[in-house]
Protein backbone atom coordinates (compact mmCIF):
# COMPACT_ATOMS: atom_id res chain seq x y z
CA UNK A 1 -54.57 20.75 -142.62
CA UNK A 2 -54.41 17.19 -143.76
CA UNK A 3 -56.60 15.52 -146.36
CA UNK A 4 -59.36 13.31 -144.97
CA UNK A 5 -60.58 10.12 -146.64
CA UNK A 6 -63.64 8.29 -145.37
CA UNK A 7 -63.93 4.49 -145.47
CA UNK A 8 -67.05 2.85 -146.93
CA UNK A 9 -68.13 1.82 -143.41
CA UNK A 10 -67.97 5.36 -142.04
CA UNK A 11 -69.54 6.81 -145.18
CA UNK A 12 -72.47 4.41 -144.88
CA UNK A 13 -73.00 5.45 -141.25
CA UNK A 14 -72.91 9.18 -142.10
CA UNK A 15 -75.44 8.71 -144.90
CA UNK A 16 -77.88 7.04 -142.52
CA UNK A 17 -77.85 9.95 -140.04
CA UNK A 18 -81.07 11.94 -140.04
CA UNK A 19 -80.39 14.30 -137.12
CA UNK A 20 -78.92 17.47 -138.67
CA UNK A 21 -77.32 18.64 -135.41
CA UNK A 22 -75.62 15.25 -134.96
CA UNK A 23 -74.35 15.38 -138.56
CA UNK A 24 -72.96 18.84 -137.88
CA UNK A 25 -71.22 17.59 -134.73
CA UNK A 26 -69.55 14.81 -136.73
CA UNK A 27 -68.45 17.35 -139.38
CA UNK A 28 -67.09 19.65 -136.66
CA UNK A 29 -65.24 16.74 -135.05
CA UNK A 30 -63.66 15.73 -138.36
CA UNK A 31 -62.56 19.34 -138.92
CA UNK A 32 -60.94 19.32 -135.45
CA UNK A 33 -59.14 16.09 -136.36
CA UNK A 34 -57.98 17.67 -139.65
CA UNK A 35 -56.55 20.64 -137.75
CA UNK A 36 -54.95 18.46 -135.07
CA UNK A 37 -54.60 14.82 -136.17
CA UNK A 38 -53.39 13.87 -132.71
CA UNK A 39 -56.54 15.17 -130.98
CA UNK A 40 -57.87 11.64 -130.57
CA UNK A 41 -56.68 9.07 -128.10
CA UNK A 42 -54.18 6.56 -129.47
CA UNK A 43 -55.40 3.02 -128.87
CA UNK A 44 -53.30 0.12 -127.56
CA UNK A 45 -53.31 -3.64 -127.94
CA UNK A 46 -55.26 -5.07 -130.89
CA UNK A 47 -56.16 -1.58 -132.08
CA UNK A 48 -52.63 -0.16 -131.84
CA UNK A 49 -52.12 2.68 -134.33
CA UNK A 50 -55.79 3.68 -134.40
CA UNK A 51 -56.97 6.93 -132.87
CA UNK A 52 -60.36 7.33 -131.22
CA UNK A 53 -62.06 10.74 -131.01
CA UNK A 54 -65.26 10.94 -129.00
CA UNK A 55 -67.97 13.45 -128.18
CA UNK A 56 -71.33 13.47 -126.45
CA UNK A 57 -74.70 14.41 -127.90
CA UNK A 58 -77.98 14.11 -126.02
CA UNK A 59 -76.42 11.85 -123.40
CA UNK A 60 -74.92 9.43 -125.93
CA UNK A 61 -71.21 8.96 -126.49
CA UNK A 62 -70.20 8.95 -130.18
CA UNK A 63 -66.85 7.81 -131.49
CA UNK A 64 -64.75 8.34 -134.62
CA UNK A 65 -61.94 5.86 -135.30
CA UNK A 66 -59.17 6.98 -137.65
CA UNK A 67 -55.58 6.38 -138.68
CA UNK A 68 -52.90 8.74 -139.86
CA UNK A 69 -51.26 7.27 -142.96
CA UNK A 70 -47.84 8.28 -144.27
CA UNK A 71 -47.68 8.74 -148.03
CA UNK A 72 -44.76 9.76 -150.25
CA UNK A 73 -46.11 13.30 -150.46
CA UNK A 74 -47.25 13.69 -146.82
CA UNK A 75 -49.85 12.39 -144.43
CA UNK A 76 -53.57 11.75 -144.75
CA UNK A 77 -56.27 10.92 -142.23
CA UNK A 78 -58.50 7.94 -142.93
CA UNK A 79 -61.77 7.78 -141.03
CA UNK A 80 -62.29 4.05 -140.48
CA UNK A 81 -65.53 3.95 -138.56
CA UNK A 82 -68.01 6.18 -136.74
CA UNK A 83 -70.92 5.48 -134.47
CA UNK A 84 -72.14 5.22 -130.90
CA UNK A 85 -69.67 3.97 -128.33
CA UNK A 86 -71.79 0.92 -127.51
CA UNK A 87 -70.01 -2.13 -128.98
CA UNK A 88 -67.94 0.27 -131.08
CA UNK A 89 -64.55 -1.32 -130.49
CA UNK A 90 -65.83 -4.87 -131.01
CA UNK A 91 -67.26 -3.80 -134.38
CA UNK A 92 -64.05 -1.96 -135.22
CA UNK A 93 -61.96 -5.06 -134.53
CA UNK A 94 -64.19 -7.11 -136.85
CA UNK A 95 -63.94 -4.45 -139.59
CA UNK A 96 -60.26 -3.56 -139.25
CA UNK A 97 -58.50 -6.74 -138.16
């Protein structure tokens, strides 16, 4: 399994979560990404190179955006952003580009 690093933006979002079950679903999703870094959907266009992994909870679509970075000693996963799907990619473009 690959090492996971979490950006300040994603970390801030995770800290704000109060729903324990939702927190657990994010943790489970990150573990799935660690086990299979290519589990997410590779984005195109402006967000080329970014993967998006989504899941549903109580009728709401949540998204995790991440990249797989190559280092001298292997690969790592960097969680860029997390949140609800609503306006997610617009916010990601502002943060990442």
